[in-house]
Amino acid sequence: MEFLNFVLIFLTGYLVLKKPEKEKTAFSLLVIIVLYMVIHFLIGSRGSILPPVNY
């Protein structure tokens, strides 16, 4: 799942650098990525067996 996030982030950077006219699409994609990462973190942290401490 993290690899998919990296690919989408690099795609967003590519759109901004190489095709500036697609800036709105890149920003929308970035917002979707951030929301997905937050949801993924919340699901992973709420369902964990161990307490939220780094071991």
Protein backbone atom coordinates (compact mmCIF):
# COMPACT_ATOMS: atom_id res chain seq x y z
CA MET A 1 0.00 0.00 0.00
CA GLU A 2 2.84 2.37 0.74
CA PHE A 3 4.28 1.72 -2.71
CA LEU A 4 0.99 2.80 -4.25
CA ASN A 5 1.19 6.03 -2.23
CA PHE A 6 4.73 6.71 -3.48
CA VAL A 7 3.73 6.07 -7.08
CA LEU A 8 0.76 8.43 -6.81
CA ILE A 9 2.87 11.12 -5.13
CA PHE A 10 5.49 10.89 -7.88
CA LEU A 11 2.72 11.04 -10.48
CA THR A 12 1.46 14.21 -8.83
CA GLY A 13 4.95 15.72 -8.93
CA TYR A 14 5.31 14.74 -12.58
CA LEU A 15 2.01 16.41 -13.45
CA VAL A 16 3.01 19.63 -11.71
CA LEU A 17 6.51 19.79 -13.21
CA LYS A 18 5.90 18.56 -16.76
CA LYS A 19 2.29 19.56 -17.38
CA PRO A 20 1.46 22.74 -15.44
CA GLU A 21 -1.97 22.96 -17.08
CA LYS A 22 -2.96 19.82 -15.13
CA GLU A 23 -2.33 21.50 -11.77
CA LYS A 24 -5.93 21.12 -10.57
CA THR A 25 -5.85 17.41 -11.33
CA ALA A 26 -2.56 17.03 -9.47
CA PHE A 27 -3.91 18.89 -6.44
CA SER A 28 -7.05 16.74 -6.40
CA LEU A 29 -4.90 13.62 -6.60
CA LEU A 30 -2.74 14.88 -3.74
CA VAL A 31 -5.80 15.50 -1.55
CA ILE A 32 -7.06 11.99 -2.28
CA ILE A 33 -3.64 10.54 -1.37
CA VAL A 34 -3.53 12.41 1.94
CA LEU A 35 -7.07 11.36 2.87
CA TYR A 36 -6.26 7.76 2.00
CA MET A 37 -3.11 7.84 4.14
CA VAL A 38 -5.02 9.28 7.13
CA ILE A 39 -7.77 6.66 6.83
CA HIS A 40 -5.18 3.91 6.44
CA PHE A 41 -3.36 5.12 9.57
CA LEU A 42 -6.56 5.32 11.63
CA ILE A 43 -7.63 1.82 10.65
CA GLY A 44 -4.17 0.45 11.39
CA SER A 45 -3.79 2.20 14.72
CA ARG A 46 -7.30 1.50 16.05
CA GLY A 47 -7.16 -2.20 15.26
CA SER A 48 -3.72 -2.89 16.64
CA ILE A 49 -3.18 -5.32 19.51
CA LEU A 50 -0.17 -3.56 21.00
CA PRO A 51 -0.50 -0.17 22.69
CA PRO A 52 0.52 2.86 20.60
CA VAL A 53 4.13 2.94 21.79
CA ASN A 54 7.26 2.41 19.74
CA TYR A 55 9.06 -0.73 20.84
